[in-house]
Structures are given as C-alpha cells and as structure tokens.
Amino acid sequence: QVQLVESGGGLVQPEGSLRLSCAASGIFFKIYDMAWYRQAPGKQRELVARISSIGSTKYAESVGGRFTISRDNAKKMVFLQMNSLKPEETAVYYCHSERGRLEGWGQGTLVTVSS
C-alpha cells in the first residue's frame, strides 16, 4: 500500500520561496514516476511538475524557471523547490506516484502566498 506524506507547506510572502518534501513508503520508489499537483480553491487539480524514474523532468508552463522538482531514491523522497511565488499559486499541493496503472496520492500540504 503506497503512502505519500507531504511536508513543507505554509505561509509565504509574494516572491518568497518554499521547499516541499514528499516521503514515500510501500512502493519500490526508484521505478515510479513522481509528480506534484496543486488545487487552488474553486479550481481543478493541475500538474505542476513531474520527474520520471530516470530523472527526466517536465513543468507546467506557468512555473517553468521558478520551480525545480528533484528526487532522492535512496531516501524515497521527492522535492519541489518553489521560488518567486505568486499569490495565485496559493493551493493545496499534492504528491503523486505513478507506475503504469498503479498510482497514489498524498493528503496534500497547503501553500498560502500572501502579504
């Protein structure tokens, strides 16, 4: 049973930075593609960034150049470094794992960008 636990969310001022972490258990982590999604109030969940099992990355156009996704297979963790945050990026950020039809979701961590 996959378990994903996010941490690192909180309140940050506009143009500030946060680093989100996701700890995985119950899966053979290194063969899974991992991703971060976010869901803002009243909006659909959207992909923020993805990192494949071999380290290839993909970003939503809106975050390119500001966010960086990375993974540590030895620690079974995935990270999202977020810089120059904007108020409209206030959302619950979710960790996601995927291997074929096998997928899992974390419970989410709230990021609030506000002065």
N, C-alpha and C. Protein backbone atom coordinates (compact mmCIF):
# COMPACT_ATOMS: atom_id res chain seq x y z
N GLN A 1 0.84 -1.18 0.00
CA GLN A 1 0.00 0.00 0.00
C GLN A 1 0.89 1.24 0.00
N VAL A 2 0.75 2.05 -1.05
CA VAL A 2 1.57 3.25 -1.14
C VAL A 2 1.13 4.27 -0.11
N GLN A 3 2.09 4.93 0.48
CA GLN A 3 1.81 6.05 1.38
C GLN A 3 2.73 7.18 1.00
N LEU A 4 2.14 8.34 0.77
CA LEU A 4 2.89 9.55 0.43
C LEU A 4 2.55 10.62 1.45
N VAL A 5 3.58 11.19 2.06
CA VAL A 5 3.37 12.19 3.10
C VAL A 5 4.12 13.46 2.72
N GLU A 6 3.35 14.52 2.48
CA GLU A 6 3.94 15.80 2.11
C GLU A 6 4.24 16.64 3.36
N SER A 7 5.20 17.52 3.22
CA SER A 7 5.52 18.49 4.27
C SER A 7 6.15 19.71 3.63
N GLY A 8 6.23 20.79 4.41
CA GLY A 8 6.91 21.98 3.94
C GLY A 8 6.02 23.12 3.53
N GLY A 9 4.71 22.90 3.53
CA GLY A 9 3.81 23.98 3.18
C GLY A 9 3.74 25.02 4.28
N GLY A 10 3.08 26.13 3.97
CA GLY A 10 2.94 27.19 4.97
C GLY A 10 2.63 28.51 4.32
N LEU A 11 2.79 29.55 5.09
CA LEU A 11 2.54 30.91 4.63
C LEU A 11 3.85 31.54 4.16
N VAL A 12 3.81 32.12 2.98
CA VAL A 12 5.00 32.77 2.43
C VAL A 12 4.56 34.05 1.74
N GLN A 13 5.40 35.05 1.78
CA GLN A 13 5.09 36.31 1.11
C GLN A 13 5.31 36.20 -0.39
N PRO A 14 4.62 37.02 -1.15
CA PRO A 14 4.87 37.04 -2.61
C PRO A 14 6.35 37.23 -2.90
N GLU A 15 6.82 36.53 -3.90
CA GLU A 15 8.23 36.49 -4.30
C GLU A 15 9.11 35.67 -3.36
N GLY A 16 8.48 35.05 -2.36
CA GLY A 16 9.24 34.21 -1.45
C GLY A 16 9.43 32.81 -2.00
N SER A 17 10.08 31.96 -1.18
CA SER A 17 10.40 30.59 -1.58
C SER A 17 9.94 29.60 -0.53
N LEU A 18 9.64 28.40 -1.01
CA LEU A 18 9.32 27.27 -0.15
C LEU A 18 9.85 26.01 -0.78
N ARG A 19 10.17 25.04 0.05
CA ARG A 19 10.58 23.73 -0.45
C ARG A 19 9.64 22.68 0.13
N LEU A 20 8.95 22.01 -0.75
CA LEU A 20 8.05 20.94 -0.35
C LEU A 20 8.79 19.60 -0.42
N SER A 21 8.43 18.73 0.51
CA SER A 21 9.01 17.38 0.53
C SER A 21 7.89 16.35 0.54
N CYS A 22 8.19 15.20 -0.03
CA CYS A 22 7.23 14.09 -0.03
C CYS A 22 8.00 12.82 0.27
N ALA A 23 7.60 12.16 1.33
CA ALA A 23 8.21 10.89 1.72
C ALA A 23 7.31 9.74 1.30
N ALA A 24 7.89 8.79 0.59
CA ALA A 24 7.12 7.65 0.08
C ALA A 24 7.46 6.38 0.83
N SER A 25 6.47 5.53 0.97
CA SER A 25 6.68 4.20 1.53
C SER A 25 5.69 3.25 0.88
N GLY A 26 6.01 1.96 0.95
CA GLY A 26 5.10 0.96 0.40
C GLY A 26 5.23 0.73 -1.09
N ILE A 27 6.22 1.38 -1.72
CA ILE A 27 6.45 1.18 -3.15
C ILE A 27 7.94 1.04 -3.41
N PHE A 28 8.27 0.42 -4.55
CA PHE A 28 9.66 0.33 -5.00
C PHE A 28 9.96 1.66 -5.67
N PHE A 29 10.31 2.63 -4.85
CA PHE A 29 10.27 4.04 -5.22
C PHE A 29 11.00 4.35 -6.53
N LYS A 30 12.16 3.78 -6.73
CA LYS A 30 13.01 4.23 -7.83
C LYS A 30 12.44 3.92 -9.21
N ILE A 31 11.43 3.06 -9.29
CA ILE A 31 10.86 2.76 -10.60
C ILE A 31 9.59 3.56 -10.88
N TYR A 32 9.20 4.40 -9.93
CA TYR A 32 7.98 5.18 -10.08
C TYR A 32 8.28 6.58 -10.61
N ASP A 33 7.43 7.04 -11.49
CA ASP A 33 7.41 8.45 -11.84
C ASP A 33 6.73 9.19 -10.70
N MET A 34 7.25 10.36 -10.35
CA MET A 34 6.69 11.15 -9.25
C MET A 34 6.31 12.54 -9.76
N ALA A 35 5.32 13.13 -9.11
CA ALA A 35 4.87 14.43 -9.57
C ALA A 35 4.29 15.23 -8.41
N TRP A 36 4.20 16.52 -8.65
CA TRP A 36 3.48 17.44 -7.77
C TRP A 36 2.32 18.03 -8.56
N TYR A 37 1.17 18.01 -7.93
CA TYR A 37 -0.03 18.66 -8.44
C TYR A 37 -0.45 19.73 -7.43
N ARG A 38 -1.32 20.61 -7.86
CA ARG A 38 -1.89 21.58 -6.92
C ARG A 38 -3.35 21.84 -7.27
N GLN A 39 -4.09 22.21 -6.25
CA GLN A 39 -5.50 22.53 -6.45
C GLN A 39 -5.81 23.80 -5.66
N ALA A 40 -6.12 24.85 -6.39
CA ALA A 40 -6.49 26.12 -5.79
C ALA A 40 -7.99 26.10 -5.49
N PRO A 41 -8.42 26.94 -4.56
CA PRO A 41 -9.85 26.99 -4.22
C PRO A 41 -10.72 27.24 -5.45
N GLY A 42 -11.70 26.37 -5.66
CA GLY A 42 -12.63 26.54 -6.77
C GLY A 42 -12.08 26.15 -8.13
N LYS A 43 -10.89 25.57 -8.15
CA LYS A 43 -10.28 25.20 -9.43
C LYS A 43 -9.97 23.71 -9.47
N GLN A 44 -9.72 23.21 -10.68
CA GLN A 44 -9.36 21.81 -10.85
C GLN A 44 -7.91 21.57 -10.45
N ARG A 45 -7.64 20.34 -10.06
CA ARG A 45 -6.27 19.97 -9.76
C ARG A 45 -5.45 20.00 -11.05
N GLU A 46 -4.24 20.53 -10.95
CA GLU A 46 -3.39 20.65 -12.14
C GLU A 46 -1.97 20.17 -11.84
N LEU A 47 -1.35 19.67 -12.90
CA LEU A 47 0.04 19.22 -12.79
C LEU A 47 0.97 20.42 -12.66
N VAL A 48 1.87 20.34 -11.70
CA VAL A 48 2.88 21.39 -11.52
C VAL A 48 4.21 20.94 -12.10
N ALA A 49 4.65 19.75 -11.72
CA ALA A 49 5.94 19.24 -12.18
C ALA A 49 5.96 17.73 -12.05
N ARG A 50 6.71 17.10 -12.94
CA ARG A 50 6.84 15.64 -12.92
C ARG A 50 8.30 15.28 -13.11
N ILE A 51 8.72 14.21 -12.43
CA ILE A 51 10.07 13.67 -12.62
C ILE A 51 9.94 12.17 -12.83
N SER A 52 10.52 11.69 -13.90
CA SER A 52 10.40 10.28 -14.22
C SER A 52 11.34 9.45 -13.37
N SER A 53 11.21 8.14 -13.51
CA SER A 53 12.08 7.24 -12.75
C SER A 53 13.54 7.40 -13.14
N ILE A 54 13.78 7.90 -14.34
CA ILE A 54 15.17 8.09 -14.77
C ILE A 54 15.60 9.55 -14.67
N GLY A 55 14.76 10.38 -14.07
CA GLY A 55 15.16 11.75 -13.78
C GLY A 55 14.77 12.80 -14.80
N SER A 56 14.02 12.44 -15.81
CA SER A 56 13.54 13.44 -16.76
C SER A 56 12.46 14.29 -16.11
N THR A 57 12.49 15.57 -16.37
CA THR A 57 11.55 16.48 -15.72
C THR A 57 10.66 17.18 -16.72
N LYS A 58 9.48 17.55 -16.23
CA LYS A 58 8.52 18.30 -17.03
C LYS A 58 7.80 19.26 -16.09
N TYR A 59 7.57 20.48 -16.58
CA TYR A 59 6.96 21.51 -15.75
C TYR A 59 5.75 22.12 -16.45
N ALA A 60 4.81 22.57 -15.63
CA ALA A 60 3.74 23.39 -16.17
C ALA A 60 4.36 24.68 -16.69
N GLU A 61 3.80 25.17 -17.77
CA GLU A 61 4.36 26.37 -18.39
C GLU A 61 4.42 27.53 -17.39
N SER A 62 3.45 27.62 -16.51
CA SER A 62 3.36 28.76 -15.60
C SER A 62 4.46 28.77 -14.53
N VAL A 63 5.13 27.65 -14.30
CA VAL A 63 6.13 27.59 -13.23
C VAL A 63 7.54 27.40 -13.76
N GLY A 64 7.68 27.22 -15.07
CA GLY A 64 9.00 26.98 -15.64
C GLY A 64 9.99 28.07 -15.27
N GLY A 65 11.17 27.64 -14.83
CA GLY A 65 12.22 28.58 -14.46
C GLY A 65 12.16 29.02 -13.01
N ARG A 66 11.04 28.77 -12.35
CA ARG A 66 10.90 29.18 -10.94
C ARG A 66 10.85 27.97 -9.99
N PHE A 67 10.31 26.87 -10.48
CA PHE A 67 10.17 25.67 -9.66
C PHE A 67 11.15 24.61 -10.14
N THR A 68 11.63 23.81 -9.20
CA THR A 68 12.52 22.70 -9.54
C THR A 68 12.08 21.45 -8.79
N ILE A 69 11.83 20.38 -9.53
CA ILE A 69 11.49 19.09 -8.92
C ILE A 69 12.74 18.23 -8.90
N SER A 70 12.91 17.48 -7.82
CA SER A 70 14.05 16.58 -7.70
C SER A 70 13.63 15.38 -6.87
N ARG A 71 14.47 14.36 -6.89
CA ARG A 71 14.17 13.15 -6.12
C ARG A 71 15.44 12.56 -5.53
N ASP A 72 15.27 11.88 -4.43
CA ASP A 72 16.36 11.16 -3.77
C ASP A 72 15.89 9.72 -3.62
N ASN A 73 16.33 8.87 -4.51
CA ASN A 73 15.83 7.49 -4.49
C ASN A 73 16.27 6.73 -3.24
N ALA A 74 17.43 7.05 -2.73
CA ALA A 74 17.92 6.36 -1.52
C ALA A 74 17.02 6.66 -0.32
N LYS A 75 16.52 7.89 -0.26
CA LYS A 75 15.65 8.29 0.85
C LYS A 75 14.18 8.14 0.53
N LYS A 76 13.88 7.76 -0.72
CA LYS A 76 12.49 7.62 -1.16
C LYS A 76 11.72 8.93 -0.97
N MET A 77 12.32 9.99 -1.46
CA MET A 77 11.71 11.30 -1.31
C MET A 77 11.73 12.07 -2.63
N VAL A 78 10.75 12.94 -2.78
CA VAL A 78 10.70 13.86 -3.91
C VAL A 78 10.48 15.26 -3.35
N PHE A 79 11.07 16.24 -4.03
CA PHE A 79 11.07 17.61 -3.53
C PHE A 79 10.56 18.56 -4.61
N LEU A 80 10.03 19.69 -4.15
CA LEU A 80 9.66 20.76 -5.06
C LEU A 80 10.16 22.07 -4.47
N GLN A 81 11.18 22.63 -5.10
CA GLN A 81 11.70 23.93 -4.72
C GLN A 81 10.91 24.99 -5.49
N MET A 82 10.27 25.87 -4.76
CA MET A 82 9.43 26.90 -5.39
C MET A 82 9.98 28.27 -5.07
N ASN A 83 10.33 29.02 -6.09
CA ASN A 83 10.87 30.36 -5.93
C ASN A 83 9.93 31.38 -6.58
N SER A 84 10.07 32.62 -6.17
CA SER A 84 9.28 33.73 -6.73
C SER A 84 7.79 33.39 -6.75
N LEU A 85 7.29 32.94 -5.63
CA LEU A 85 5.90 32.52 -5.55
C LEU A 85 4.94 33.69 -5.72
N LYS A 86 3.80 33.39 -6.32
CA LYS A 86 2.79 34.40 -6.61
C LYS A 86 1.52 34.10 -5.80
N PRO A 87 0.76 35.13 -5.47
CA PRO A 87 -0.47 34.90 -4.69
C PRO A 87 -1.42 33.90 -5.34
N GLU A 88 -1.47 33.90 -6.67
CA GLU A 88 -2.37 32.99 -7.36
C GLU A 88 -1.92 31.53 -7.29
N GLU A 89 -0.73 31.30 -6.71
CA GLU A 89 -0.25 29.94 -6.53
C GLU A 89 -0.62 29.38 -5.16
N THR A 90 -1.42 30.12 -4.44
CA THR A 90 -1.99 29.58 -3.21
C THR A 90 -2.85 28.38 -3.55
N ALA A 91 -2.54 27.25 -2.91
CA ALA A 91 -3.23 26.00 -3.26
C ALA A 91 -2.80 24.91 -2.29
N VAL A 92 -3.51 23.80 -2.36
CA VAL A 92 -3.04 22.58 -1.71
C VAL A 92 -2.18 21.85 -2.73
N TYR A 93 -0.99 21.51 -2.33
CA TYR A 93 -0.04 20.83 -3.20
C TYR A 93 0.00 19.34 -2.83
N TYR A 94 -0.15 18.51 -3.84
CA TYR A 94 -0.23 17.06 -3.65
C TYR A 94 0.94 16.35 -4.31
N CYS A 95 1.43 15.35 -3.62
CA CYS A 95 2.44 14.45 -4.18
C CYS A 95 1.73 13.29 -4.86
N HIS A 96 2.27 12.84 -5.98
CA HIS A 96 1.65 11.77 -6.76
C HIS A 96 2.70 10.78 -7.24
N SER A 97 2.36 9.50 -7.16
CA SER A 97 3.24 8.45 -7.67
C SER A 97 2.51 7.70 -8.78
N GLU A 98 3.28 7.23 -9.77
CA GLU A 98 2.66 6.54 -10.90
C GLU A 98 3.61 5.51 -11.48
N ARG A 99 3.05 4.31 -11.73
CA ARG A 99 3.77 3.26 -12.43
C ARG A 99 2.72 2.48 -13.20
N GLY A 100 2.58 2.77 -14.48
CA GLY A 100 1.50 2.16 -15.24
C GLY A 100 0.16 2.57 -14.66
N ARG A 101 -0.65 1.58 -14.30
CA ARG A 101 -1.96 1.88 -13.72
C ARG A 101 -1.93 1.99 -12.20
N LEU A 102 -0.75 1.85 -11.64
CA LEU A 102 -0.61 1.98 -10.19
C LEU A 102 -0.31 3.43 -9.86
N GLU A 103 -1.10 4.03 -9.01
CA GLU A 103 -0.85 5.40 -8.64
C GLU A 103 -1.25 5.64 -7.19
N GLY A 104 -0.70 6.69 -6.62
CA GLY A 104 -1.04 7.05 -5.27
C GLY A 104 -1.00 8.55 -5.08
N TRP A 105 -1.71 9.03 -4.08
CA TRP A 105 -1.77 10.45 -3.76
C TRP A 105 -1.48 10.67 -2.28
N GLY A 106 -0.80 11.77 -2.01
CA GLY A 106 -0.66 12.19 -0.63
C GLY A 106 -1.89 12.96 -0.19
N GLN A 107 -1.86 13.37 1.06
CA GLN A 107 -3.01 14.09 1.63
C GLN A 107 -2.97 15.58 1.32
N GLY A 108 -1.82 16.06 0.85
CA GLY A 108 -1.68 17.45 0.46
C GLY A 108 -1.10 18.32 1.56
N THR A 109 -0.46 19.39 1.12
CA THR A 109 0.07 20.38 2.05
C THR A 109 -0.30 21.76 1.51
N LEU A 110 -0.80 22.61 2.39
CA LEU A 110 -1.31 23.91 1.98
C LEU A 110 -0.18 24.93 1.87
N VAL A 111 -0.15 25.59 0.72
CA VAL A 111 0.77 26.69 0.50
C VAL A 111 -0.06 27.96 0.32
N THR A 112 0.21 28.94 1.15
CA THR A 112 -0.51 30.21 1.09
C THR A 112 0.49 31.31 0.78
N VAL A 113 0.27 31.99 -0.32
CA VAL A 113 1.16 33.08 -0.73
C VAL A 113 0.41 34.40 -0.51
N SER A 114 0.84 35.12 0.49
CA SER A 114 0.11 36.33 0.86
C SER A 114 1.00 37.25 1.68
N SER A 115 0.76 38.55 1.54
CA SER A 115 1.48 39.51 2.36
C SER A 115 0.68 39.85 3.62
